[in-house]
Amino acid sequence: MAGQPGVTFGARSRVTTLMDTFNLFFTPQVKELIIRFTNDEGKTQYGEG
């Protein structure tokens, strides 16, 4: 492996919160799918409530 291991300066400069980190890996479309299926599972487990 070339270079130093660990988080790069570029990555550190773009991330200050947990949400920033999440947004690096998940597109808005993927986030919508996660929310939709999480809500569907919640309704299955706990009802419309």
PDB file of N, CA and C in Angstrom:
ATOM      1  N   MET A   1       0.852  -1.175   0.000  1.00  0.00           N
ATOM      2  CA  MET A   1       0.000   0.000   0.000  1.00  0.00           C
ATOM      3  C   MET A   1       0.896   1.237   0.000  1.00  0.00           C
ATOM      4  N   ALA A   2       0.622   2.134  -0.904  1.00  0.00           N
ATOM      5  CA  ALA A   2       1.411   3.359  -0.983  1.00  0.00           C
ATOM      6  C   ALA A   2       0.787   4.440  -0.112  1.00  0.00           C
ATOM      7  N   GLY A   3       1.610   5.303   0.463  1.00  0.00           N
ATOM      8  CA  GLY A   3       1.104   6.415   1.261  1.00  0.00           C
ATOM      9  C   GLY A   3       0.816   6.027   2.693  1.00  0.00           C
ATOM     10  N   GLN A   4       0.359   7.005   3.429  1.00  0.00           N
ATOM     11  CA  GLN A   4       0.050   6.819   4.847  1.00  0.00           C
ATOM     12  C   GLN A   4      -1.331   6.194   5.003  1.00  0.00           C
ATOM     13  N   PRO A   5      -1.475   5.239   5.895  1.00  0.00           N
ATOM     14  CA  PRO A   5      -2.809   4.690   6.156  1.00  0.00           C
ATOM     15  C   PRO A   5      -3.646   5.684   6.958  1.00  0.00           C
ATOM     16  N   GLY A   6      -4.954   5.505   6.886  1.00  0.00           N
ATOM     17  CA  GLY A   6      -5.851   6.334   7.693  1.00  0.00           C
ATOM     18  C   GLY A   6      -6.646   7.311   6.862  1.00  0.00           C
ATOM     19  N   VAL A   7      -7.283   8.209   7.530  1.00  0.00           N
ATOM     20  CA  VAL A   7      -8.159   9.194   6.906  1.00  0.00           C
ATOM     21  C   VAL A   7      -7.316  10.255   6.209  1.00  0.00           C
ATOM     22  N   THR A   8      -7.681  10.565   4.975  1.00  0.00           N
ATOM     23  CA  THR A   8      -6.930  11.560   4.215  1.00  0.00           C
ATOM     24  C   THR A   8      -7.334  12.974   4.629  1.00  0.00           C
ATOM     25  N   PHE A   9      -6.495  13.939   4.292  1.00  0.00           N
ATOM     26  CA  PHE A   9      -6.814  15.336   4.579  1.00  0.00           C
ATOM     27  C   PHE A   9      -8.102  15.745   3.872  1.00  0.00           C
ATOM     28  N   GLY A  10      -8.262  15.302   2.613  1.00  0.00           N
ATOM     29  CA  GLY A  10      -9.475  15.644   1.863  1.00  0.00           C
ATOM     30  C   GLY A  10     -10.738  15.159   2.545  1.00  0.00           C
ATOM     31  N   ALA A  11     -10.682  13.948   3.066  1.00  0.00           N
ATOM     32  CA  ALA A  11     -11.847  13.406   3.768  1.00  0.00           C
ATOM     33  C   ALA A  11     -12.103  14.176   5.053  1.00  0.00           C
ATOM     34  N   ARG A  12     -11.036  14.457   5.806  1.00  0.00           N
ATOM     35  CA  ARG A  12     -11.195  15.204   7.061  1.00  0.00           C
ATOM     36  C   ARG A  12     -11.758  16.593   6.828  1.00  0.00           C
ATOM     37  N   SER A  13     -11.396  17.221   5.719  1.00  0.00           N
ATOM     38  CA  SER A  13     -11.849  18.589   5.469  1.00  0.00           C
ATOM     39  C   SER A  13     -13.329  18.653   5.097  1.00  0.00           C
ATOM     40  N   ARG A  14     -13.901  17.521   4.651  1.00  0.00           N
ATOM     41  CA  ARG A  14     -15.315  17.505   4.255  1.00  0.00           C
ATOM     42  C   ARG A  14     -16.236  16.964   5.335  1.00  0.00           C
ATOM     43  N   VAL A  15     -15.699  16.461   6.423  1.00  0.00           N
ATOM     44  CA  VAL A  15     -16.511  15.795   7.438  1.00  0.00           C
ATOM     45  C   VAL A  15     -16.321  16.468   8.791  1.00  0.00           C
ATOM     46  N   THR A  16     -17.424  16.978   9.345  1.00  0.00           N
ATOM     47  CA  THR A  16     -17.378  17.522  10.700  1.00  0.00           C
ATOM     48  C   THR A  16     -18.444  16.903  11.598  1.00  0.00           C
ATOM     49  N   THR A  17     -19.447  16.272  10.983  1.00  0.00           N
ATOM     50  CA  THR A  17     -20.513  15.650  11.771  1.00  0.00           C
ATOM     51  C   THR A  17     -20.721  14.213  11.309  1.00  0.00           C
ATOM     52  N   LEU A  18     -21.448  13.458  12.105  1.00  0.00           N
ATOM     53  CA  LEU A  18     -21.790  12.092  11.733  1.00  0.00           C
ATOM     54  C   LEU A  18     -22.602  12.085  10.444  1.00  0.00           C
ATOM     55  N   MET A  19     -23.491  13.052  10.284  1.00  0.00           N
ATOM     56  CA  MET A  19     -24.306  13.126   9.076  1.00  0.00           C
ATOM     57  C   MET A  19     -23.440  13.383   7.838  1.00  0.00           C
ATOM     58  N   ASP A  20     -22.400  14.203   7.959  1.00  0.00           N
ATOM     59  CA  ASP A  20     -21.468  14.414   6.847  1.00  0.00           C
ATOM     60  C   ASP A  20     -20.862  13.087   6.403  1.00  0.00           C
ATOM     61  N   THR A  21     -20.485  12.262   7.365  1.00  0.00           N
ATOM     62  CA  THR A  21     -19.899  10.960   7.060  1.00  0.00           C
ATOM     63  C   THR A  21     -20.919  10.074   6.346  1.00  0.00           C
ATOM     64  N   PHE A  22     -22.126  10.036   6.851  1.00  0.00           N
ATOM     65  CA  PHE A  22     -23.201   9.252   6.238  1.00  0.00           C
ATOM     66  C   PHE A  22     -23.413   9.686   4.794  1.00  0.00           C
ATOM     67  N   ASN A  23     -23.430  11.004   4.564  1.00  0.00           N
ATOM     68  CA  ASN A  23     -23.691  11.535   3.221  1.00  0.00           C
ATOM     69  C   ASN A  23     -22.580  11.209   2.218  1.00  0.00           C
ATOM     70  N   LEU A  24     -21.380  10.904   2.690  1.00  0.00           N
ATOM     71  CA  LEU A  24     -20.310  10.504   1.784  1.00  0.00           C
ATOM     72  C   LEU A  24     -20.603   9.159   1.125  1.00  0.00           C
ATOM     73  N   PHE A  25     -21.354   8.309   1.809  1.00  0.00           N
ATOM     74  CA  PHE A  25     -21.551   6.941   1.346  1.00  0.00           C
ATOM     75  C   PHE A  25     -22.947   6.644   0.816  1.00  0.00           C
ATOM     76  N   PHE A  26     -23.925   7.459   1.147  1.00  0.00           N
ATOM     77  CA  PHE A  26     -25.301   7.180   0.753  1.00  0.00           C
ATOM     78  C   PHE A  26     -25.883   8.333  -0.045  1.00  0.00           C
ATOM     79  N   THR A  27     -26.377   8.023  -1.255  1.00  0.00           N
ATOM     80  CA  THR A  27     -27.023   9.034  -2.095  1.00  0.00           C
ATOM     81  C   THR A  27     -28.400   9.358  -1.522  1.00  0.00           C
ATOM     82  N   PRO A  28     -28.996  10.469  -1.937  1.00  0.00           N
ATOM     83  CA  PRO A  28     -30.360  10.770  -1.473  1.00  0.00           C
ATOM     84  C   PRO A  28     -31.354   9.653  -1.810  1.00  0.00           C
ATOM     85  N   GLN A  29     -31.183   9.018  -2.961  1.00  0.00           N
ATOM     86  CA  GLN A  29     -32.086   7.927  -3.350  1.00  0.00           C
ATOM     87  C   GLN A  29     -31.952   6.737  -2.401  1.00  0.00           C
ATOM     88  N   VAL A  30     -30.734   6.404  -2.021  1.00  0.00           N
ATOM     89  CA  VAL A  30     -30.524   5.287  -1.090  1.00  0.00           C
ATOM     90  C   VAL A  30     -31.094   5.642   0.279  1.00  0.00           C
ATOM     91  N   LYS A  31     -30.896   6.890   0.710  1.00  0.00           N
ATOM     92  CA  LYS A  31     -31.461   7.309   2.001  1.00  0.00           C
ATOM     93  C   LYS A  31     -32.981   7.180   1.998  1.00  0.00           C
ATOM     94  N   GLU A  32     -33.633   7.565   0.884  1.00  0.00           N
ATOM     95  CA  GLU A  32     -35.092   7.446   0.796  1.00  0.00           C
ATOM     96  C   GLU A  32     -35.525   5.981   0.895  1.00  0.00           C
ATOM     97  N   LEU A  33     -34.790   5.084   0.254  1.00  0.00           N
ATOM     98  CA  LEU A  33     -35.121   3.665   0.352  1.00  0.00           C
ATOM     99  C   LEU A  33     -34.959   3.153   1.783  1.00  0.00           C
ATOM    100  N   ILE A  34     -33.898   3.538   2.444  1.00  0.00           N
ATOM    101  CA  ILE A  34     -33.688   3.121   3.836  1.00  0.00           C
ATOM    102  C   ILE A  34     -34.846   3.600   4.710  1.00  0.00           C
ATOM    103  N   ILE A  35     -35.238   4.853   4.544  1.00  0.00           N
ATOM    104  CA  ILE A  35     -36.338   5.415   5.337  1.00  0.00           C
ATOM    105  C   ILE A  35     -37.634   4.686   5.028  1.00  0.00           C
ATOM    106  N   ARG A  36     -37.912   4.463   3.736  1.00  0.00           N
ATOM    107  CA  ARG A  36     -39.161   3.810   3.347  1.00  0.00           C
ATOM    108  C   ARG A  36     -39.268   2.410   3.945  1.00  0.00           C
ATOM    109  N   PHE A  37     -38.204   1.617   3.776  1.00  0.00           N
ATOM    110  CA  PHE A  37     -38.271   0.246   4.265  1.00  0.00           C
ATOM    111  C   PHE A  37     -38.209   0.165   5.785  1.00  0.00           C
ATOM    112  N   THR A  38     -37.540   1.104   6.417  1.00  0.00           N
ATOM    113  CA  THR A  38     -37.538   1.151   7.875  1.00  0.00           C
ATOM    114  C   THR A  38     -38.937   1.475   8.383  1.00  0.00           C
ATOM    115  N   ASN A  39     -39.591   2.440   7.750  1.00  0.00           N
ATOM    116  CA  ASN A  39     -40.962   2.784   8.141  1.00  0.00           C
ATOM    117  C   ASN A  39     -41.919   1.625   7.892  1.00  0.00           C
ATOM    118  N   ASP A  40     -41.759   0.930   6.748  1.00  0.00           N
ATOM    119  CA  ASP A  40     -42.607  -0.232   6.463  1.00  0.00           C
ATOM    120  C   ASP A  40     -42.428  -1.306   7.529  1.00  0.00           C
ATOM    121  N   GLU A  41     -41.192  -1.564   7.922  1.00  0.00           N
ATOM    122  CA  GLU A  41     -40.935  -2.574   8.960  1.00  0.00           C
ATOM    123  C   GLU A  41     -41.518  -2.137  10.301  1.00  0.00           C
ATOM    124  N   GLY A  42     -41.405  -0.849  10.617  1.00  0.00           N
ATOM    125  CA  GLY A  42     -42.006  -0.337  11.850  1.00  0.00           C
ATOM    126  C   GLY A  42     -43.512  -0.534  11.866  1.00  0.00           C
ATOM    127  N   LYS A  43     -44.158  -0.287  10.741  1.00  0.00           N
ATOM    128  CA  LYS A  43     -45.604  -0.488  10.647  1.00  0.00           C
ATOM    129  C   LYS A  43     -45.959  -1.960  10.809  1.00  0.00           C
ATOM    130  N   THR A  44     -45.128  -2.831  10.249  1.00  0.00           N
ATOM    131  CA  THR A  44     -45.355  -4.272  10.384  1.00  0.00           C
ATOM    132  C   THR A  44     -45.230  -4.697  11.842  1.00  0.00           C
ATOM    133  N   GLN A  45     -44.230  -4.171  12.517  1.00  0.00           N
ATOM    134  CA  GLN A  45     -43.974  -4.589  13.896  1.00  0.00           C
ATOM    135  C   GLN A  45     -44.906  -3.926  14.901  1.00  0.00           C
ATOM    136  N   TYR A  46     -45.249  -2.660  14.674  1.00  0.00           N
ATOM    137  CA  TYR A  46     -45.960  -1.874  15.700  1.00  0.00           C
ATOM    138  C   TYR A  46     -47.285  -1.311  15.252  1.00  0.00           C
ATOM    139  N   GLY A  47     -47.677  -1.516  14.004  1.00  0.00           N
ATOM    140  CA  GLY A  47     -48.938  -1.000  13.503  1.00  0.00           C
ATOM    141  C   GLY A  47     -48.808   0.420  13.027  1.00  0.00           C
ATOM    142  N   GLU A  48     -49.898   0.983  12.595  1.00  0.00           N
ATOM    143  CA  GLU A  48     -49.914   2.337  12.036  1.00  0.00           C
ATOM    144  C   GLU A  48     -49.744   3.415  13.108  1.00  0.00           C
ATOM    145  N   GLY A  49     -50.018   3.103  14.338  1.00  0.00           N
ATOM    146  CA  GLY A  49     -49.941   3.844  15.524  1.00  0.00           C
ATOM    147  C   GLY A  49     -49.816   5.230  15.655  1.00  0.00           C
TER     148      GLY A  49
END
